N, C-alpha and C. Protein backbone atom coordinates (compact mmCIF):
# COMPACT_ATOMS: atom_id res chain seq x y z
N UNK A 1 0.82 -1.19 0.00
CA UNK A 1 0.00 0.00 0.00
C UNK A 1 0.87 1.25 0.00
N UNK A 2 1.96 1.18 0.74
CA UNK A 2 2.87 2.32 0.81
C UNK A 2 3.46 2.62 -0.57
N UNK A 3 3.82 1.59 -1.31
CA UNK A 3 4.41 1.79 -2.64
C UNK A 3 3.38 2.40 -3.59
N UNK A 4 2.12 1.94 -3.52
CA UNK A 4 1.07 2.48 -4.37
C UNK A 4 0.85 3.97 -4.09
N UNK A 5 0.81 4.33 -2.81
CA UNK A 5 0.61 5.74 -2.46
C UNK A 5 1.80 6.60 -2.88
N UNK A 6 3.00 6.05 -2.76
CA UNK A 6 4.19 6.79 -3.16
C UNK A 6 4.20 7.03 -4.67
N UNK A 7 3.86 6.01 -5.43
CA UNK A 7 3.82 6.15 -6.89
C UNK A 7 2.72 7.12 -7.31
N UNK A 8 1.55 7.04 -6.67
CA UNK A 8 0.47 7.96 -7.03
C UNK A 8 0.82 9.39 -6.67
N UNK A 9 1.57 9.61 -5.60
CA UNK A 9 2.01 10.95 -5.24
C UNK A 9 2.98 11.50 -6.28
N UNK A 10 3.92 10.70 -6.68
CA UNK A 10 4.91 11.15 -7.66
C UNK A 10 4.26 11.43 -9.01
N UNK A 11 3.41 10.51 -9.46
CA UNK A 11 2.76 10.69 -10.76
C UNK A 11 1.83 11.90 -10.75
N UNK A 12 1.05 12.05 -9.68
CA UNK A 12 0.13 13.20 -9.62
C UNK A 12 0.89 14.52 -9.54
N UNK A 13 2.02 14.54 -8.85
CA UNK A 13 2.78 15.80 -8.76
C UNK A 13 3.37 16.17 -10.12
N UNK A 14 3.87 15.21 -10.86
CA UNK A 14 4.41 15.49 -12.19
C UNK A 14 3.29 15.95 -13.13
N UNK A 15 2.13 15.29 -13.06
CA UNK A 15 1.01 15.67 -13.92
C UNK A 15 0.46 17.04 -13.57
N UNK A 16 0.46 17.41 -12.27
CA UNK A 16 0.01 18.75 -11.87
C UNK A 16 0.92 19.81 -12.48
N UNK A 17 2.22 19.57 -12.44
CA UNK A 17 3.16 20.53 -13.03
C UNK A 17 2.90 20.70 -14.52
N UNK A 18 2.71 19.58 -15.22
CA UNK A 18 2.48 19.64 -16.66
C UNK A 18 1.17 20.37 -16.98
N UNK A 19 0.09 20.03 -16.25
CA UNK A 19 -1.21 20.63 -16.54
C UNK A 19 -1.20 22.13 -16.22
N UNK A 20 -0.56 22.53 -15.16
CA UNK A 20 -0.49 23.95 -14.81
C UNK A 20 0.31 24.72 -15.87
N UNK A 21 1.38 24.12 -16.36
CA UNK A 21 2.16 24.79 -17.40
C UNK A 21 1.40 24.89 -18.72
N UNK A 22 0.45 24.00 -18.96
CA UNK A 22 -0.34 24.04 -20.19
C UNK A 22 -1.40 25.12 -20.15
N UNK A 23 -1.77 25.59 -18.97
CA UNK A 23 -2.83 26.58 -18.86
C UNK A 23 -2.33 27.95 -19.29
N UNK A 24 -3.24 28.73 -19.89
CA UNK A 24 -2.89 30.08 -20.30
C UNK A 24 -2.86 31.02 -19.10
N UNK A 25 -2.01 32.03 -19.19
CA UNK A 25 -1.93 33.02 -18.14
C UNK A 25 -3.17 33.90 -18.18
N UNK A 26 -3.71 34.21 -17.03
CA UNK A 26 -4.93 35.02 -16.96
C UNK A 26 -4.62 36.50 -16.72
N UNK A 27 -3.39 36.81 -16.34
CA UNK A 27 -3.04 38.21 -16.05
C UNK A 27 -1.62 38.45 -16.52
N UNK A 28 -1.15 39.63 -16.28
CA UNK A 28 0.20 40.01 -16.68
C UNK A 28 1.23 39.67 -15.65
N UNK A 29 1.12 38.57 -14.99
CA UNK A 29 2.08 38.18 -13.97
C UNK A 29 1.83 38.90 -12.66
N UNK A 30 2.89 39.37 -12.05
CA UNK A 30 2.76 40.06 -10.76
C UNK A 30 2.10 41.42 -10.89
N UNK A 31 2.08 41.99 -12.08
CA UNK A 31 1.43 43.29 -12.25
C UNK A 31 -0.08 43.19 -12.05
N UNK A 32 -0.63 41.98 -12.18
CA UNK A 32 -2.06 41.78 -11.95
C UNK A 32 -2.45 41.85 -10.49
N UNK A 33 -1.47 41.79 -9.60
CA UNK A 33 -1.76 41.84 -8.17
C UNK A 33 -2.02 43.26 -7.67
N UNK A 34 -1.50 44.26 -8.37
CA UNK A 34 -1.63 45.63 -7.88
C UNK A 34 -2.97 46.25 -8.20
N UNK A 35 -3.65 45.76 -9.20
CA UNK A 35 -4.94 46.33 -9.55
C UNK A 35 -5.74 45.36 -10.39
N UNK A 36 -6.90 45.79 -10.78
CA UNK A 36 -7.71 44.95 -11.64
C UNK A 36 -8.38 43.81 -10.90
N UNK A 37 -8.86 44.08 -9.70
CA UNK A 37 -9.52 43.03 -8.92
C UNK A 37 -10.80 42.56 -9.59
N UNK A 38 -11.42 43.44 -10.40
CA UNK A 38 -12.64 43.02 -11.07
C UNK A 38 -12.34 41.93 -12.10
N UNK A 39 -11.15 41.94 -12.65
CA UNK A 39 -10.78 40.86 -13.56
C UNK A 39 -10.57 39.56 -12.81
N UNK A 40 -10.02 39.67 -11.62
CA UNK A 40 -9.72 38.48 -10.84
C UNK A 40 -10.99 37.84 -10.29
N UNK A 41 -11.91 38.66 -9.80
CA UNK A 41 -13.11 38.13 -9.17
C UNK A 41 -14.35 38.26 -10.05
N UNK A 42 -14.20 38.78 -11.24
CA UNK A 42 -15.33 38.94 -12.14
C UNK A 42 -15.83 37.60 -12.65
N UNK A 43 -17.02 37.65 -13.22
CA UNK A 43 -17.59 36.42 -13.77
C UNK A 43 -16.97 36.17 -15.14
N UNK A 44 -16.23 35.09 -15.22
CA UNK A 44 -15.60 34.72 -16.48
C UNK A 44 -16.01 33.30 -16.80
N UNK A 45 -16.61 33.11 -17.94
CA UNK A 45 -17.01 31.77 -18.34
C UNK A 45 -15.85 31.11 -19.06
N UNK A 46 -15.50 29.95 -18.58
CA UNK A 46 -14.40 29.21 -19.16
C UNK A 46 -15.00 28.06 -19.96
N UNK A 47 -14.50 27.88 -21.18
CA UNK A 47 -15.04 26.84 -22.03
C UNK A 47 -13.92 26.09 -22.72
N UNK A 48 -14.27 24.92 -23.18
CA UNK A 48 -13.35 24.15 -24.01
C UNK A 48 -12.18 23.58 -23.24
N UNK A 49 -11.00 23.77 -23.83
CA UNK A 49 -9.78 23.17 -23.27
C UNK A 49 -9.43 23.78 -21.91
N UNK A 50 -9.71 25.07 -21.72
CA UNK A 50 -9.40 25.70 -20.44
C UNK A 50 -10.22 25.08 -19.31
N UNK A 51 -11.48 24.81 -19.58
CA UNK A 51 -12.33 24.17 -18.57
C UNK A 51 -11.82 22.77 -18.23
N UNK A 52 -11.43 22.03 -19.25
CA UNK A 52 -10.90 20.69 -19.04
C UNK A 52 -9.62 20.74 -18.21
N UNK A 53 -8.73 21.67 -18.53
CA UNK A 53 -7.48 21.79 -17.79
C UNK A 53 -7.73 22.19 -16.34
N UNK A 54 -8.70 23.06 -16.10
CA UNK A 54 -9.02 23.44 -14.72
C UNK A 54 -9.56 22.25 -13.93
N UNK A 55 -10.45 21.48 -14.55
CA UNK A 55 -11.01 20.32 -13.85
C UNK A 55 -9.96 19.26 -13.59
N UNK A 56 -9.07 19.04 -14.55
CA UNK A 56 -8.00 18.06 -14.37
C UNK A 56 -7.06 18.51 -13.26
N UNK A 57 -6.80 19.82 -13.19
CA UNK A 57 -5.93 20.35 -12.14
C UNK A 57 -6.55 20.13 -10.76
N UNK A 58 -7.84 20.38 -10.64
CA UNK A 58 -8.52 20.16 -9.36
C UNK A 58 -8.50 18.68 -8.99
N UNK A 59 -8.79 17.82 -9.96
CA UNK A 59 -8.80 16.38 -9.69
C UNK A 59 -7.41 15.90 -9.27
N UNK A 60 -6.38 16.32 -9.98
CA UNK A 60 -5.02 15.90 -9.62
C UNK A 60 -4.59 16.46 -8.26
N UNK A 61 -5.05 17.66 -7.93
CA UNK A 61 -4.75 18.22 -6.62
C UNK A 61 -5.38 17.41 -5.50
N UNK A 62 -6.60 16.95 -5.73
CA UNK A 62 -7.27 16.12 -4.73
C UNK A 62 -6.57 14.77 -4.59
N UNK A 63 -6.18 14.17 -5.73
CA UNK A 63 -5.46 12.89 -5.68
C UNK A 63 -4.13 13.07 -4.95
N UNK A 64 -3.42 14.15 -5.24
CA UNK A 64 -2.15 14.42 -4.58
C UNK A 64 -2.32 14.58 -3.07
N UNK A 65 -3.32 15.36 -2.68
CA UNK A 65 -3.59 15.61 -1.27
C UNK A 65 -3.96 14.32 -0.53
N UNK A 66 -4.85 13.53 -1.14
CA UNK A 66 -5.28 12.29 -0.49
C UNK A 66 -4.16 11.26 -0.42
N UNK A 67 -3.32 11.21 -1.43
CA UNK A 67 -2.20 10.27 -1.38
C UNK A 67 -1.19 10.68 -0.31
N UNK A 68 -0.99 11.98 -0.13
CA UNK A 68 -0.10 12.42 0.96
C UNK A 68 -0.70 12.14 2.33
N UNK A 69 -2.03 12.32 2.45
CA UNK A 69 -2.68 11.96 3.72
C UNK A 69 -2.55 10.47 3.99
N UNK A 70 -2.70 9.65 2.95
CA UNK A 70 -2.56 8.21 3.10
C UNK A 70 -1.13 7.83 3.49
N UNK A 71 -0.16 8.47 2.88
CA UNK A 71 1.24 8.19 3.25
C UNK A 71 1.52 8.56 4.70
N UNK A 72 0.95 9.67 5.13
CA UNK A 72 1.13 10.08 6.52
C UNK A 72 0.44 9.11 7.47
N UNK A 73 -0.75 8.68 7.10
CA UNK A 73 -1.52 7.77 7.95
C UNK A 73 -0.80 6.43 8.11
N UNK A 74 -0.29 5.89 7.02
CA UNK A 74 0.35 4.57 7.08
C UNK A 74 1.76 4.62 7.66
N UNK A 75 2.37 5.79 7.75
CA UNK A 75 3.69 5.90 8.36
C UNK A 75 3.63 6.10 9.87
N UNK A 76 2.44 6.34 10.40
CA UNK A 76 2.32 6.56 11.85
C UNK A 76 2.42 5.26 12.59
């Protein structure tokens, strides 16, 4: 079980990095932090590939989190 959780942690972390790098930037980097809060919190409909990438990112984040919790639980 420990090996399965370790492998799922490694694979999910690599896939999270890849999926996040595939996503388009929504702002001009750090310059988006100083202003333009309406762009950040405004209603933006995401469709197509962007929606798929967001959902995959959330799913992989949950898998990563749960596998780390499982690793912690079984190491106690």
